[in-house]
Protein backbone atom coordinates (compact mmCIF):
# COMPACT_ATOMS: atom_id res chain seq x y z
CA MET A 1 0.00 0.00 0.00
CA SER A 2 1.42 3.40 -0.92
CA SER A 3 1.42 6.46 1.27
CA ALA A 4 0.02 9.87 0.39
CA SER A 5 3.55 11.20 -0.14
CA ASP A 6 4.30 8.38 -2.62
CA GLU A 7 1.12 9.26 -4.52
CA ALA A 8 2.06 12.94 -4.52
CA LEU A 9 5.52 12.12 -5.89
CA ALA A 10 3.99 9.92 -8.57
CA ALA A 11 1.55 12.69 -9.55
CA ALA A 12 4.38 15.24 -9.69
CA GLY A 13 6.41 12.86 -11.86
CA THR A 14 3.43 12.40 -14.18
CA GLY A 15 3.02 16.17 -14.42
CA ARG A 16 6.69 16.60 -15.32
CA LEU A 17 6.38 13.86 -17.93
CA ILE A 18 3.37 15.55 -19.52
CA LEU A 19 5.19 18.90 -19.58
CA ALA A 20 8.27 17.27 -21.11
CA ARG A 21 6.13 15.71 -23.85
CA LEU A 22 4.39 19.03 -24.50
CA ASP A 23 7.81 20.72 -24.74
CA ALA A 24 8.90 18.09 -27.27
CA LEU A 25 5.77 18.70 -29.36
CA TYR A 26 6.31 22.45 -29.08
CA ALA A 27 9.86 22.05 -30.44
CA LEU A 28 8.44 20.30 -33.52
CA ALA A 29 5.95 23.09 -34.27
CA PRO A 30 6.64 25.47 -37.16
CA PRO A 31 8.37 28.72 -36.09
CA ALA A 32 5.19 30.78 -36.57
CA MET A 33 3.45 28.63 -33.97
CA ARG A 34 6.22 29.24 -31.42
CA THR A 35 5.70 33.00 -31.22
CA GLU A 36 4.19 34.84 -28.29
CA ALA A 37 1.40 36.08 -30.56
CA PHE A 38 0.44 32.52 -31.44
CA ARG A 39 0.53 31.44 -27.79
CA GLN A 40 -1.72 34.37 -26.91
CA LEU A 41 -4.08 33.47 -29.73
CA ALA A 42 -4.24 29.85 -28.56
CA ARG A 43 -4.93 30.88 -24.95
CA TYR A 44 -7.46 33.48 -26.13
CA VAL A 45 -9.28 30.93 -28.27
CA LEU A 46 -9.49 28.40 -25.43
CA ALA A 47 -10.51 30.90 -22.76
CA GLY A 48 -12.63 33.01 -25.08
CA PHE A 49 -14.48 29.99 -26.42
CA ALA A 50 -15.38 28.94 -22.89
CA VAL A 51 -16.49 32.46 -21.94
CA THR A 52 -18.42 32.84 -25.20
CA LEU A 53 -20.25 29.55 -24.70
CA PHE A 54 -20.99 30.60 -21.12
CA SER A 55 -22.46 33.90 -22.37
CA ALA A 56 -24.38 32.24 -25.20
CA ALA A 57 -25.86 29.73 -22.76
CA ILE A 58 -27.02 32.55 -20.49
CA TYR A 59 -28.50 34.34 -23.52
CA MET A 60 -30.42 31.22 -24.60
CA VAL A 61 -31.75 30.60 -21.07
CA ALA A 62 -32.76 34.23 -20.71
CA ALA A 63 -34.38 34.36 -24.17
CA TYR A 64 -36.26 31.07 -24.07
CA PRO A 65 -37.20 29.63 -20.66
CA CYS A 66 -37.22 33.06 -19.02
CA HIS A 67 -38.95 34.74 -22.02
CA ILE A 68 -36.76 37.83 -21.86
CA ARG A 69 -36.71 39.84 -25.09
CA PRO A 70 -33.59 38.96 -27.16
CA LEU A 71 -31.90 42.37 -26.87
CA LEU A 72 -32.37 42.42 -23.10
CA ALA A 73 -31.21 38.78 -22.89
CA ASN A 74 -28.05 39.92 -24.70
CA VAL A 75 -27.46 42.59 -22.02
CA VAL A 76 -27.85 40.04 -19.24
CA SER A 77 -25.53 37.49 -20.88
CA TYR A 78 -22.96 40.14 -21.69
CA ALA A 79 -22.76 41.34 -18.10
CA PHE A 80 -21.95 37.82 -16.89
CA GLY A 81 -19.50 37.22 -19.71
CA LEU A 82 -17.73 40.54 -19.15
CA ALA A 83 -16.67 39.69 -15.60
CA ALA A 84 -15.47 36.22 -16.60
CA SER A 85 -13.72 37.58 -19.69
CA TYR A 86 -11.66 40.27 -17.96
CA THR A 87 -10.54 37.85 -15.29
CA VAL A 88 -9.43 35.08 -17.60
CA HIS A 89 -7.91 37.26 -20.32
CA SER A 90 -5.99 39.61 -18.04
CA ARG A 91 -4.62 36.76 -15.91
CA TRP A 92 -4.02 34.08 -18.54
CA SER A 93 -4.68 34.85 -22.22
CA PHE A 94 -2.65 38.06 -22.26
CA ALA A 95 -0.50 37.46 -19.19
CA SER A 96 2.72 39.39 -19.58
CA GLU A 97 6.02 39.91 -17.87
CA GLY A 98 5.84 43.57 -18.81
CA GLU A 99 4.42 46.24 -16.54
CA ARG A 100 0.77 47.02 -16.99
CA ARG A 101 -1.25 49.66 -15.18
CA GLU A 102 -4.37 47.87 -13.97
CA LEU A 103 -6.74 50.84 -14.06
CA ASP A 104 -5.64 51.86 -17.56
CA THR A 105 -6.02 48.27 -18.72
CA MET A 106 -9.47 48.02 -17.16
CA ALA A 107 -10.54 51.26 -18.85
CA ARG A 108 -9.33 50.05 -22.26
CA PHE A 109 -11.01 46.71 -21.62
CA GLY A 110 -14.25 48.55 -20.88
CA VAL A 111 -14.04 50.40 -24.21
CA ALA A 112 -13.24 47.18 -26.09
CA ALA A 113 -16.05 45.37 -24.30
CA GLY A 114 -18.42 48.19 -25.23
CA PHE A 115 -17.45 47.73 -28.87
CA ALA A 116 -17.97 43.96 -28.65
CA PHE A 117 -21.30 44.48 -26.89
CA GLY A 118 -22.38 46.82 -29.67
CA LEU A 119 -21.32 44.28 -32.27
CA ASN A 120 -23.25 41.50 -30.51
CA SER A 121 -26.27 43.79 -30.19
CA PHE A 122 -26.03 44.48 -33.90
CA TRP A 123 -26.11 40.72 -34.66
CA VAL A 124 -29.15 40.30 -32.36
CA TRP A 125 -30.94 43.30 -33.87
CA LEU A 126 -30.15 42.23 -37.43
CA GLY A 127 -31.45 38.70 -36.96
CA THR A 128 -34.38 39.20 -34.61
CA VAL A 129 -35.65 42.72 -35.28
CA HIS A 130 -34.70 43.46 -38.88
CA TYR A 131 -35.21 39.97 -40.35
CA HIS A 132 -37.71 38.68 -37.72
CA LEU A 133 -35.81 35.40 -37.33
CA PRO A 134 -35.69 33.18 -34.21
CA ALA A 135 -33.59 34.28 -31.25
CA TRP A 136 -30.92 31.61 -31.90
CA VAL A 137 -29.98 33.05 -35.31
CA PRO A 138 -27.44 35.64 -34.02
CA VAL A 139 -25.56 33.07 -31.93
CA PRO A 140 -23.09 31.97 -34.68
CA ALA A 141 -21.99 35.57 -35.26
CA MET A 142 -21.80 36.10 -31.49
CA VAL A 143 -19.60 33.00 -31.18
CA PHE A 144 -17.27 33.56 -34.16
CA ALA A 145 -17.24 37.10 -35.59
CA THR A 146 -17.32 39.11 -32.36
CA PRO A 147 -14.54 37.11 -30.63
CA LEU A 148 -12.23 37.54 -33.65
CA ALA A 149 -12.67 41.31 -33.58
CA SER A 150 -12.22 41.29 -29.81
CA PHE A 151 -8.97 39.32 -29.99
CA LEU A 152 -7.41 41.88 -32.29
CA ILE A 153 -8.47 44.80 -30.09
CA ASN A 154 -7.34 43.05 -26.89
CA ARG A 155 -3.99 41.93 -28.29
CA TYR A 156 -2.97 45.19 -29.88
CA TRP A 157 -4.58 47.77 -27.61
CA VAL A 158 -6.07 46.57 -24.31
CA PHE A 159 -3.43 44.21 -22.91
CA ARG A 160 -0.31 45.68 -24.41
CA ALA A 161 2.61 45.95 -22.01
CA VAL A 162 3.62 49.51 -21.11
């Protein structure tokens, strides 16, 4: 029977093995995939996809079971997504060794989030008000087009190191 310390050592060894294998795979990647920009994009896609699905799920729940009008459901889902998004992107997606002034970054993030909110509201308006389509119709644009625009703004303006 093994002790807790033996299990901890085995887990640590497994973690080091996984990291070593990831490093080996990373070394085989083309040079363009080994840049900081690519790493940020990969982290942004993973984190952003999770946050976007979280927001879209809140939108769908608000719009359908709760019978909230689609534009108001978008406001509700965006508020939840905004808090999750700033936290994950500032701490992981765009983590940097460089100095960053938190209040300035938060202000820029607020402007960028306002733009993204406007873009999502446009998709909702276009699909549900202008074309009178079901409330789910704007979701693909909310999941793909808005996050792409947001990545570019966040990478090059919001989370730039000072």
